[in-house]
Amino acid sequence: MSIINMEINRLIDHTLLRPTAASQEIKALCEVALQYNFKAVCVPETYVVIAKSIVKDSAVEVCTVVGFPLGYSSTEAKRDQATLAVSQGATEIDMVINQGWMQEGLYSKIVDEIATVKEAVGTHCLKVIIETANLSDVQIRKAAQCVLSGGADFVKTSTGFAARGASIQDIEMLYQELGGKLGIKASGGIKTHEQALALIKAGATRLGTSNGPALLAP
């Protein structure tokens, strides 16, 4: 594996969140993550235990999603879901914000919800999905500030279930707004090595993809 591949592989959350995903596919995902020493596998909560059992003796983290993919679960439901996931072995949580609150400008509620889930996650990594496809540029910047104020560790662009995934413009904007104060996870539609490099250059510090091996150089 080349130096650039060694750098990229540790930025990749190798992901399978398709609603029809079965346990054998999750196991295969984890085996690929082990093979390439990816940073994490990102799986549905029902598969956290399986994923943990496979990667437990490695450097691969187990990530799962909360309030996914729409974000309008109650704060209490998100908190409880995160608490359960951590107890089952998840070390990273990707939470979707309440997108309706974002449209209404209820920023303090968004901040409080993020803080509540972060308290449940504790020292583990919390990434907050803001779904940039559904936001204006002004809203993307405001959402980034909410994530920062809520005490999360990363802002994440997309669920992969919206009209589009991460764009270079999204990442550049988030980087300009946050100035390195938070990690930035680009996700959704990342399929090639060239895309990965461009997103990293723009400021992404993590890449969510179902195409992990394809992001590495030939």
C-alpha atoms as a PDB file:
ATOM      1  CA  MET A   1       0.000   0.000   0.000  1.00  0.00           C
ATOM      2  CA  SER A   2       1.410   3.394  -1.019  1.00  0.00           C
ATOM      3  CA  ILE A   3       1.984   6.265   1.397  1.00  0.00           C
ATOM      4  CA  ILE A   4      -0.997   8.189   0.025  1.00  0.00           C
ATOM      5  CA  ASN A   5      -3.172   5.107   0.415  1.00  0.00           C
ATOM      6  CA  MET A   6      -1.984   4.678   3.995  1.00  0.00           C
ATOM      7  CA  GLU A   7      -3.060   8.263   4.648  1.00  0.00           C
ATOM      8  CA  ILE A   8      -6.444   7.934   2.978  1.00  0.00           C
ATOM      9  CA  ASN A   9      -7.356   4.556   4.425  1.00  0.00           C
ATOM     10  CA  ARG A  10      -7.302   5.953   7.973  1.00  0.00           C
ATOM     11  CA  LEU A  11      -9.800   8.645   6.952  1.00  0.00           C
ATOM     12  CA  ILE A  12     -12.395   6.209   5.614  1.00  0.00           C
ATOM     13  CA  ASP A  13     -15.603   5.151   7.364  1.00  0.00           C
ATOM     14  CA  HIS A  14     -16.482   2.079   5.291  1.00  0.00           C
ATOM     15  CA  THR A  15     -20.264   2.224   5.270  1.00  0.00           C
ATOM     16  CA  LEU A  16     -23.314   0.031   4.714  1.00  0.00           C
ATOM     17  CA  LEU A  17     -26.596   1.680   5.721  1.00  0.00           C
ATOM     18  CA  ARG A  18     -28.850   0.377   2.963  1.00  0.00           C
ATOM     19  CA  PRO A  19     -32.179  -0.623   4.559  1.00  0.00           C
ATOM     20  CA  THR A  20     -32.025  -4.122   3.077  1.00  0.00           C
ATOM     21  CA  ALA A  21     -28.503  -4.830   4.380  1.00  0.00           C
ATOM     22  CA  ALA A  22     -28.218  -8.318   5.862  1.00  0.00           C
ATOM     23  CA  SER A  23     -25.796  -9.686   8.436  1.00  0.00           C
ATOM     24  CA  GLN A  24     -23.609 -11.479   5.885  1.00  0.00           C
ATOM     25  CA  GLU A  25     -23.084  -8.171   4.060  1.00  0.00           C
ATOM     26  CA  ILE A  26     -22.142  -6.476   7.325  1.00  0.00           C
ATOM     27  CA  LYS A  27     -19.615  -9.224   8.026  1.00  0.00           C
ATOM     28  CA  ALA A  28     -18.139  -8.795   4.544  1.00  0.00           C
ATOM     29  CA  LEU A  29     -17.952  -5.017   5.075  1.00  0.00           C
ATOM     30  CA  CYS A  30     -16.000  -5.548   8.286  1.00  0.00           C
ATOM     31  CA  GLU A  31     -13.597  -7.985   6.649  1.00  0.00           C
ATOM     32  CA  VAL A  32     -12.819  -5.430   3.943  1.00  0.00           C
ATOM     33  CA  ALA A  33     -12.285  -2.760   6.600  1.00  0.00           C
ATOM     34  CA  LEU A  34      -9.829  -5.037   8.367  1.00  0.00           C
ATOM     35  CA  GLN A  35      -8.031  -5.815   5.129  1.00  0.00           C
ATOM     36  CA  TYR A  36      -7.445  -2.142   4.358  1.00  0.00           C
ATOM     37  CA  ASN A  37      -7.219  -0.919   7.968  1.00  0.00           C
ATOM     38  CA  PHE A  38      -9.943   1.664   7.471  1.00  0.00           C
ATOM     39  CA  LYS A  39     -10.704   4.073  10.287  1.00  0.00           C
ATOM     40  CA  ALA A  40     -14.197   2.692  10.935  1.00  0.00           C
ATOM     41  CA  VAL A  41     -17.126   0.669   9.741  1.00  0.00           C
ATOM     42  CA  CYS A  42     -20.466   2.480   9.803  1.00  0.00           C
ATOM     43  CA  VAL A  43     -23.405   0.111  10.217  1.00  0.00           C
ATOM     44  CA  PRO A  44     -27.050   0.143  11.353  1.00  0.00           C
ATOM     45  CA  GLU A  45     -27.486  -0.078  15.108  1.00  0.00           C
ATOM     46  CA  THR A  46     -28.879  -3.614  14.925  1.00  0.00           C
ATOM     47  CA  TYR A  47     -25.511  -4.771  13.569  1.00  0.00           C
ATOM     48  CA  VAL A  48     -23.218  -3.024  16.064  1.00  0.00           C
ATOM     49  CA  VAL A  49     -22.681  -6.203  18.083  1.00  0.00           C
ATOM     50  CA  ILE A  50     -21.786  -8.218  14.982  1.00  0.00           C
ATOM     51  CA  ALA A  51     -19.414  -5.548  13.713  1.00  0.00           C
ATOM     52  CA  LYS A  52     -17.743  -5.193  17.105  1.00  0.00           C
ATOM     53  CA  SER A  53     -17.177  -8.936  17.347  1.00  0.00           C
ATOM     54  CA  ILE A  54     -15.304  -8.892  14.045  1.00  0.00           C
ATOM     55  CA  VAL A  55     -13.126  -5.779  14.443  1.00  0.00           C
ATOM     56  CA  LYS A  56     -12.602  -5.844  18.228  1.00  0.00           C
ATOM     57  CA  ASP A  57      -8.901  -6.751  18.089  1.00  0.00           C
ATOM     58  CA  SER A  58      -8.045  -4.138  15.452  1.00  0.00           C
ATOM     59  CA  ALA A  59      -7.727  -0.378  15.036  1.00  0.00           C
ATOM     60  CA  VAL A  60     -11.053  -0.257  13.144  1.00  0.00           C
ATOM     61  CA  GLU A  61     -13.748   1.645  15.046  1.00  0.00           C
ATOM     62  CA  VAL A  62     -17.445   0.756  15.058  1.00  0.00           C
ATOM     63  CA  CYS A  63     -19.730   3.621  14.065  1.00  0.00           C
ATOM     64  CA  THR A  64     -23.512   3.648  13.940  1.00  0.00           C
ATOM     65  CA  VAL A  65     -26.224   6.183  13.159  1.00  0.00           C
ATOM     66  CA  VAL A  66     -28.809   7.896  15.359  1.00  0.00           C
ATOM     67  CA  GLY A  67     -32.024   9.570  14.183  1.00  0.00           C
ATOM     68  CA  PHE A  68     -31.172   8.310  10.725  1.00  0.00           C
ATOM     69  CA  PRO A  69     -31.872   9.269   7.987  1.00  0.00           C
ATOM     70  CA  LEU A  70     -34.467  12.007   8.537  1.00  0.00           C
ATOM     71  CA  GLY A  71     -33.460  13.429  11.915  1.00  0.00           C
ATOM     72  CA  TYR A  72     -36.900  14.107  13.334  1.00  0.00           C
ATOM     73  CA  SER A  73     -36.808  11.529  16.142  1.00  0.00           C
ATOM     74  CA  SER A  74     -37.211  13.096  19.566  1.00  0.00           C
ATOM     75  CA  THR A  75     -34.143  14.214  21.477  1.00  0.00           C
ATOM     76  CA  GLU A  76     -34.895  11.554  24.086  1.00  0.00           C
ATOM     77  CA  ALA A  77     -35.043   8.840  21.416  1.00  0.00           C
ATOM     78  CA  LYS A  78     -31.710   9.964  19.953  1.00  0.00           C
ATOM     79  CA  ARG A  79     -30.132  10.041  23.404  1.00  0.00           C
ATOM     80  CA  ASP A  80     -31.392   6.566  24.257  1.00  0.00           C
ATOM     81  CA  GLN A  81     -30.364   5.173  20.884  1.00  0.00           C
ATOM     82  CA  ALA A  82     -26.849   6.566  21.327  1.00  0.00           C
ATOM     83  CA  THR A  83     -26.625   5.221  24.884  1.00  0.00           C
ATOM     84  CA  LEU A  84     -27.625   1.736  23.758  1.00  0.00           C
ATOM     85  CA  ALA A  85     -25.244   1.776  20.793  1.00  0.00           C
ATOM     86  CA  VAL A  86     -22.294   2.717  22.996  1.00  0.00           C
ATOM     87  CA  SER A  87     -23.200  -0.003  25.504  1.00  0.00           C
ATOM     88  CA  GLN A  88     -23.155  -2.515  22.632  1.00  0.00           C
ATOM     89  CA  GLY A  89     -19.680  -1.487  21.513  1.00  0.00           C
ATOM     90  CA  ALA A  90     -20.062   1.477  19.171  1.00  0.00           C
ATOM     91  CA  THR A  91     -17.236   3.972  19.591  1.00  0.00           C
ATOM     92  CA  GLU A  92     -18.518   6.552  17.105  1.00  0.00           C
ATOM     93  CA  ILE A  93     -22.039   7.931  16.644  1.00  0.00           C
ATOM     94  CA  ASP A  94     -23.314   9.806  13.565  1.00  0.00           C
ATOM     95  CA  MET A  95     -26.461  11.754  14.499  1.00  0.00           C
ATOM     96  CA  VAL A  96     -28.841  13.547  12.132  1.00  0.00           C
ATOM     97  CA  ILE A  97     -30.004  16.999  13.246  1.00  0.00           C
ATOM     98  CA  ASN A  98     -33.673  17.904  13.333  1.00  0.00           C
ATOM     99  CA  GLN A  99     -33.947  19.392   9.863  1.00  0.00           C
ATOM    100  CA  GLY A 100     -37.302  21.031  10.565  1.00  0.00           C
ATOM    101  CA  TRP A 101     -35.749  22.964  13.438  1.00  0.00           C
ATOM    102  CA  MET A 102     -33.014  24.097  11.090  1.00  0.00           C
ATOM    103  CA  GLN A 103     -35.566  25.458   8.629  1.00  0.00           C
ATOM    104  CA  GLU A 104     -37.403  27.253  11.435  1.00  0.00           C
ATOM    105  CA  GLY A 105     -34.232  28.765  12.845  1.00  0.00           C
ATOM    106  CA  LEU A 106     -34.616  26.988  16.194  1.00  0.00           C
ATOM    107  CA  TYR A 107     -30.882  26.956  16.699  1.00  0.00           C
ATOM    108  CA  SER A 108     -30.877  26.744  20.492  1.00  0.00           C
ATOM    109  CA  LYS A 109     -32.959  23.564  20.315  1.00  0.00           C
ATOM    110  CA  ILE A 110     -30.488  22.063  17.847  1.00  0.00           C
ATOM    111  CA  VAL A 111     -27.546  22.965  20.099  1.00  0.00           C
ATOM    112  CA  ASP A 112     -29.279  21.509  23.160  1.00  0.00           C
ATOM    113  CA  GLU A 113     -30.082  18.276  21.346  1.00  0.00           C
ATOM    114  CA  ILE A 114     -26.500  17.849  20.176  1.00  0.00           C
ATOM    115  CA  ALA A 115     -25.264  18.515  23.712  1.00  0.00           C
ATOM    116  CA  THR A 116     -27.683  15.914  25.095  1.00  0.00           C
ATOM    117  CA  VAL A 117     -26.484  13.238  22.700  1.00  0.00           C
ATOM    118  CA  LYS A 118     -22.843  14.173  23.284  1.00  0.00           C
ATOM    119  CA  GLU A 119     -23.378  13.723  27.011  1.00  0.00           C
ATOM    120  CA  ALA A 120     -24.727  10.239  26.313  1.00  0.00           C
ATOM    121  CA  VAL A 121     -21.783   9.428  24.032  1.00  0.00           C
ATOM    122  CA  GLY A 122     -19.234  10.734  26.517  1.00  0.00           C
ATOM    123  CA  THR A 123     -15.635  10.496  25.389  1.00  0.00           C
ATOM    124  CA  HIS A 124     -16.625   8.638  22.236  1.00  0.00           C
ATOM    125  CA  CYS A 125     -16.777  10.460  18.908  1.00  0.00           C
ATOM    126  CA  LEU A 126     -19.981  12.258  17.921  1.00  0.00           C
ATOM    127  CA  LYS A 127     -20.469  13.353  14.320  1.00  0.00           C
ATOM    128  CA  VAL A 128     -23.510  15.463  13.459  1.00  0.00           C
ATOM    129  CA  ILE A 129     -25.094  15.139  10.020  1.00  0.00           C
ATOM    130  CA  ILE A 130     -26.500  18.466   8.794  1.00  0.00           C
ATOM    131  CA  GLU A 131     -27.697  17.268   5.345  1.00  0.00           C
ATOM    132  CA  THR A 132     -26.177  20.049   3.259  1.00  0.00           C
ATOM    133  CA  ALA A 133     -28.340  19.172   0.238  1.00  0.00           C
ATOM    134  CA  ASN A 134     -31.318  20.628   2.088  1.00  0.00           C
ATOM    135  CA  LEU A 135     -29.606  23.812   3.305  1.00  0.00           C
ATOM    136  CA  SER A 136     -28.682  27.175   1.828  1.00  0.00           C
ATOM    137  CA  ASP A 137     -25.112  28.412   2.158  1.00  0.00           C
ATOM    138  CA  VAL A 138     -26.155  30.607   5.077  1.00  0.00           C
ATOM    139  CA  GLN A 139     -27.832  27.639   6.763  1.00  0.00           C
ATOM    140  CA  ILE A 140     -24.796  25.417   6.240  1.00  0.00           C
ATOM    141  CA  ARG A 141     -22.655  27.953   8.078  1.00  0.00           C
ATOM    142  CA  LYS A 142     -25.223  28.313  10.852  1.00  0.00           C
ATOM    143  CA  ALA A 143     -25.560  24.554  11.202  1.00  0.00           C
ATOM    144  CA  ALA A 144     -21.787  24.247  11.540  1.00  0.00           C
ATOM    145  CA  GLN A 145     -21.837  26.749  14.398  1.00  0.00           C
ATOM    146  CA  CYS A 146     -24.629  24.791  16.094  1.00  0.00           C
ATOM    147  CA  VAL A 147     -22.567  21.608  15.889  1.00  0.00           C
ATOM    148  CA  LEU A 148     -19.578  23.418  17.371  1.00  0.00           C
ATOM    149  CA  SER A 149     -21.650  24.950  20.175  1.00  0.00           C
ATOM    150  CA  GLY A 150     -23.219  21.588  20.978  1.00  0.00           C
ATOM    151  CA  GLY A 151     -19.837  20.052  21.719  1.00  0.00           C
ATOM    152  CA  ALA A 152     -19.721  17.449  18.942  1.00  0.00           C
ATOM    153  CA  ASP A 153     -16.465  16.233  17.438  1.00  0.00           C
ATOM    154  CA  PHE A 154     -17.319  16.355  13.726  1.00  0.00           C
ATOM    155  CA  VAL A 155     -19.763  17.967  11.369  1.00  0.00           C
ATOM    156  CA  LYS A 156     -20.883  15.573   8.624  1.00  0.00           C
ATOM    157  CA  THR A 157     -22.363  16.692   5.328  1.00  0.00           C
ATOM    158  CA  SER A 158     -24.859  14.044   4.333  1.00  0.00           C
ATOM    159  CA  THR A 159     -26.817  10.881   5.033  1.00  0.00           C
ATOM    160  CA  GLY A 160     -26.460   9.616   1.485  1.00  0.00           C
ATOM    161  CA  PHE A 161     -30.272   9.525   1.263  1.00  0.00           C
ATOM    162  CA  ALA A 162     -30.851  13.119   0.102  1.00  0.00           C
ATOM    163  CA  ALA A 163     -30.764  14.595  -3.409  1.00  0.00           C
ATOM    164  CA  ARG A 164     -26.975  14.765  -3.338  1.00  0.00           C
ATOM    165  CA  GLY A 165     -24.014  14.030  -1.136  1.00  0.00           C
ATOM    166  CA  ALA A 166     -20.969  16.100  -0.246  1.00  0.00           C
ATOM    167  CA  SER A 167     -19.672  18.743  -2.630  1.00  0.00           C
ATOM    168  CA  ILE A 168     -16.326  20.506  -2.710  1.00  0.00           C
ATOM    169  CA  GLN A 169     -18.174  23.766  -2.040  1.00  0.00           C
ATOM    170  CA  ASP A 170     -19.787  22.289   1.093  1.00  0.00           C
ATOM    171  CA  ILE A 171     -16.442  21.198   2.490  1.00  0.00           C
ATOM    172  CA  GLU A 172     -14.703  24.469   1.686  1.00  0.00           C
ATOM    173  CA  MET A 173     -17.513  26.396   3.352  1.00  0.00           C
ATOM    174  CA  LEU A 174     -17.433  24.245   6.475  1.00  0.00           C
ATOM    175  CA  TYR A 175     -13.675  24.537   6.706  1.00  0.00           C
ATOM    176  CA  GLN A 176     -13.824  28.314   6.355  1.00  0.00           C
ATOM    177  CA  GLU A 177     -16.547  28.545   8.991  1.00  0.00           C
ATOM    178  CA  LEU A 178     -14.956  26.219  11.536  1.00  0.00           C
ATOM    179  CA  GLY A 179     -11.279  26.973  11.036  1.00  0.00           C
ATOM    180  CA  GLY A 180     -10.150  23.529  12.146  1.00  0.00           C
ATOM    181  CA  LYS A 181     -12.161  23.576  15.397  1.00  0.00           C
ATOM    182  CA  LEU A 182     -14.081  20.451  14.387  1.00  0.00           C
ATOM    183  CA  GLY A 183     -13.462  17.486  12.152  1.00  0.00           C
ATOM    184  CA  ILE A 184     -15.318  17.512   8.833  1.00  0.00           C
ATOM    185  CA  LYS A 185     -16.780  14.298   7.423  1.00  0.00           C
ATOM    186  CA  ALA A 186     -17.664  14.297   3.746  1.00  0.00           C
ATOM    187  CA  SER A 187     -20.172  11.621   2.797  1.00  0.00           C
ATOM    188  CA  GLY A 188     -22.530  10.651   0.030  1.00  0.00           C
ATOM    189  CA  GLY A 189     -21.524   9.849  -3.525  1.00  0.00           C
ATOM    190  CA  ILE A 190     -17.773   9.496  -2.957  1.00  0.00           C
ATOM    191  CA  LYS A 191     -16.705   6.805  -5.403  1.00  0.00           C
ATOM    192  CA  THR A 192     -13.211   7.536  -6.723  1.00  0.00           C
ATOM    193  CA  HIS A 193      -9.670   8.243  -5.577  1.00  0.00           C
ATOM    194  CA  GLU A 194      -9.778  11.594  -7.348  1.00  0.00           C
ATOM    195  CA  GLN A 195     -12.933  12.639  -5.501  1.00  0.00           C
ATOM    196  CA  ALA A 196     -11.372  11.627  -2.192  1.00  0.00           C
ATOM    197  CA  LEU A 197      -8.250  13.686  -2.814  1.00  0.00           C
ATOM    198  CA  ALA A 198     -10.286  16.737  -3.842  1.00  0.00           C
ATOM    199  CA  LEU A 199     -12.435  16.552  -0.714  1.00  0.00           C
ATOM    200  CA  ILE A 200      -9.404  16.134   1.531  1.00  0.00           C
ATOM    201  CA  LYS A 201      -7.743  19.106  -0.145  1.00  0.00           C
ATOM    202  CA  ALA A 202     -10.905  21.150   0.500  1.00  0.00           C
ATOM    203  CA  GLY A 203     -10.745  20.342   4.223  1.00  0.00           C
ATOM    204  CA  ALA A 204     -12.386  16.958   4.844  1.00  0.00           C
ATOM    205  CA  THR A 205     -10.800  14.978   7.663  1.00  0.00           C
ATOM    206  CA  ARG A 206     -13.042  11.914   7.311  1.00  0.00           C
ATOM    207  CA  LEU A 207     -14.734  10.248   4.328  1.00  0.00           C
ATOM    208  CA  GLY A 208     -17.930   8.232   4.560  1.00  0.00           C
ATOM    209  CA  THR A 209     -18.316   5.828   1.650  1.00  0.00           C
ATOM    210  CA  SER A 210     -19.599   2.434   0.639  1.00  0.00           C
ATOM    211  CA  ASN A 211     -16.758   2.299  -1.890  1.00  0.00           C
ATOM    212  CA  GLY A 212     -13.776   2.279   0.455  1.00  0.00           C
ATOM    213  CA  PRO A 213     -11.268   0.304  -1.641  1.00  0.00           C
ATOM    214  CA  ALA A 214     -12.069   2.403  -4.735  1.00  0.00           C
ATOM    215  CA  LEU A 215     -10.935   5.545  -2.915  1.00  0.00           C
ATOM    216  CA  LEU A 216      -7.411   4.191  -2.703  1.00  0.00           C
ATOM    217  CA  ALA A 217      -4.998   4.825  -5.516  1.00  0.00           C
ATOM    218  CA  PRO A 218      -4.566   1.997  -8.065  1.00  0.00           C
END
